Amino acid sequence: MNAVFLLARVLFVVLFLFSALGHLTKADAMAQYAAYKKAPGGKAGVILSGVTLGIGALMVLLGIYGDIGSLLLAATLVPITLFMHQYWKETDEQSKMSEMTAFNKNTALIGGALAFFLIFAVSAGHLGLTVTGPVFSI
């Protein structure tokens, strides 16, 4: 079961690692898009979200306080989802569908991050293939 949990962590964080890389290497372009969407934070917000996505993903992947890493991912996704994917404001049907898909994907990822938090916290460090145990114990 430890190998299955490791595989699940790898598959879960791939998206976040690539997103973090994009946030950090294409910060100017992403900041322009965020400004177009009227999201707060500008370039600093893009860089900060890239850093938090990257750190959270690495924490989950390596099992270094994976519960905290999971919460970091969820906490980063909430404002991104609410500011960047406001499908209810779109008038063009194709744009609305695209934003709704992204909103729903992020909502599912938040749920997945919370599920990983619970798994880490309930395991009390008995999962194996992790570097540390969790901070929280439920």
Protein backbone atom coordinates (compact mmCIF):
# COMPACT_ATOMS: atom_id res chain seq x y z
CA MET A 1 0.00 0.00 0.00
CA ASN A 2 2.93 2.34 0.59
CA ALA A 3 3.82 2.15 -3.10
CA VAL A 4 0.23 2.96 -4.10
CA PHE A 5 0.23 6.00 -1.81
CA LEU A 6 3.55 7.15 -3.28
CA LEU A 7 2.21 6.72 -6.83
CA ALA A 8 -0.92 8.69 -5.90
CA ARG A 9 1.25 11.51 -4.51
CA VAL A 10 3.40 11.58 -7.67
CA LEU A 11 0.38 11.70 -9.97
CA PHE A 12 -1.32 14.35 -7.84
CA VAL A 13 1.60 16.78 -7.69
CA VAL A 14 2.74 16.68 -11.34
CA LEU A 15 0.21 19.36 -12.29
CA PHE A 16 1.30 21.59 -9.42
CA LEU A 17 5.00 21.25 -10.21
CA PHE A 18 4.47 22.22 -13.86
CA SER A 19 2.18 25.07 -12.79
CA ALA A 20 4.78 26.34 -10.33
CA LEU A 21 7.43 26.23 -13.03
CA GLY A 22 5.17 28.20 -15.37
CA HIS A 23 4.38 30.79 -12.70
CA LEU A 24 8.07 31.35 -12.03
CA THR A 25 9.42 31.26 -15.60
CA LYS A 26 6.55 33.16 -17.26
CA ALA A 27 5.69 35.54 -14.43
CA ASP A 28 5.40 38.63 -16.66
CA ALA A 29 2.94 37.04 -19.06
CA MET A 30 0.93 35.48 -16.24
CA ALA A 31 0.84 38.81 -14.40
CA GLN A 32 -0.62 40.46 -17.50
CA TYR A 33 -3.29 37.76 -17.68
CA ALA A 34 -4.02 38.14 -13.95
CA ALA A 35 -4.39 41.91 -14.45
CA TYR A 36 -6.80 41.25 -17.33
CA LYS A 37 -8.83 39.03 -14.96
CA LYS A 38 -8.66 41.79 -12.31
CA ALA A 39 -6.96 39.45 -9.84
CA PRO A 40 -5.03 41.17 -7.06
CA GLY A 41 -1.32 40.75 -6.48
CA GLY A 42 0.20 41.45 -9.87
CA LYS A 43 3.57 39.87 -10.63
CA ALA A 44 4.31 39.38 -6.93
CA GLY A 45 1.09 37.37 -6.59
CA VAL A 46 2.02 35.21 -9.57
CA ILE A 47 5.46 34.53 -8.12
CA LEU A 48 4.08 33.89 -4.63
CA SER A 49 1.49 31.45 -5.95
CA GLY A 50 4.20 29.70 -7.97
CA VAL A 51 6.39 29.34 -4.90
CA THR A 52 3.55 28.07 -2.71
CA LEU A 53 2.39 25.59 -5.36
CA GLY A 54 5.95 24.32 -5.80
CA ILE A 55 6.71 24.02 -2.10
CA GLY A 56 3.36 22.40 -1.33
CA ALA A 57 3.78 19.92 -4.18
CA LEU A 58 7.29 18.95 -3.07
CA MET A 59 6.11 18.51 0.52
CA VAL A 60 3.34 16.15 -0.59
CA LEU A 61 5.58 14.31 -3.05
CA LEU A 62 8.41 13.71 -0.62
CA GLY A 63 6.21 13.27 2.43
CA ILE A 64 7.88 16.13 4.28
CA TYR A 65 5.05 17.30 6.52
CA GLY A 66 2.67 16.23 3.77
CA ASP A 67 -0.31 17.42 5.76
CA ILE A 68 1.00 20.98 5.76
CA GLY A 69 1.92 20.71 2.07
CA SER A 70 -1.60 19.55 1.26
CA LEU A 71 -3.12 22.49 3.14
CA LEU A 72 -0.72 24.85 1.36
CA LEU A 73 -1.90 23.57 -2.02
CA ALA A 74 -5.56 23.91 -1.04
CA ALA A 75 -5.05 27.39 0.40
CA THR A 76 -3.25 28.54 -2.75
CA LEU A 77 -5.93 27.12 -5.04
CA VAL A 78 -8.86 28.85 -3.35
CA PRO A 79 -8.02 32.44 -4.38
CA ILE A 80 -6.70 31.32 -7.77
CA THR A 81 -10.00 29.57 -8.44
CA LEU A 82 -12.16 32.45 -7.25
CA PHE A 83 -10.25 35.23 -9.02
CA MET A 84 -9.05 33.58 -12.21
CA HIS A 85 -11.99 31.38 -13.18
CA GLN A 86 -15.12 33.50 -12.66
CA TYR A 87 -17.21 31.70 -15.25
CA TRP A 88 -20.35 33.43 -13.98
CA LYS A 89 -19.03 36.75 -15.31
CA GLU A 90 -18.39 35.49 -18.84
CA THR A 91 -20.84 36.45 -21.60
CA ASP A 92 -19.26 34.42 -24.40
CA GLU A 93 -20.51 30.82 -24.14
CA GLN A 94 -17.18 29.27 -25.15
CA SER A 95 -15.28 31.37 -22.59
CA LYS A 96 -17.88 30.55 -19.96
CA MET A 97 -17.49 26.81 -20.59
CA SER A 98 -13.70 27.05 -20.52
CA GLU A 99 -13.70 28.98 -17.24
CA MET A 100 -16.29 26.65 -15.71
CA THR A 101 -14.12 23.66 -16.59
CA ALA A 102 -11.08 25.29 -14.98
CA PHE A 103 -13.15 26.28 -11.93
CA ASN A 104 -14.46 22.72 -11.53
CA LYS A 105 -10.96 21.23 -12.02
CA ASN A 106 -9.54 23.48 -9.34
CA THR A 107 -12.43 22.69 -7.01
CA ALA A 108 -11.70 18.98 -7.46
CA LEU A 109 -8.00 19.62 -6.80
CA ILE A 110 -8.88 21.44 -3.58
CA GLY A 111 -10.91 18.38 -2.56
CA GLY A 112 -7.99 16.11 -3.45
CA ALA A 113 -5.58 18.24 -1.42
CA LEU A 114 -7.93 18.09 1.57
CA ALA A 115 -8.19 14.31 1.17
CA PHE A 116 -4.38 14.06 1.18
CA PHE A 117 -4.33 16.24 4.29
CA LEU A 118 -6.69 13.81 6.00
CA ILE A 119 -4.70 10.75 4.93
CA PHE A 120 -1.46 12.24 6.21
CA ALA A 121 -3.04 13.41 9.48
CA VAL A 122 -4.87 10.16 10.20
CA SER A 123 -1.84 8.02 9.41
CA ALA A 124 0.16 9.52 12.29
CA GLY A 125 3.32 8.85 10.29
CA HIS A 126 2.69 5.17 9.57
CA LEU A 127 2.34 5.47 5.81
CA GLY A 128 5.91 4.67 4.90
CA LEU A 129 7.82 6.16 1.97
CA THR A 130 7.68 9.60 3.60
CA VAL A 131 10.52 11.66 5.02
CA THR A 132 8.65 12.95 8.07
CA GLY A 133 5.41 12.28 9.88
CA PRO A 134 2.55 14.77 9.85
CA VAL A 135 2.29 17.88 11.98
CA PHE A 136 -1.39 17.21 12.68
CA SER A 137 -2.64 13.96 14.16
CA ILE A 138 -6.33 13.19 13.94
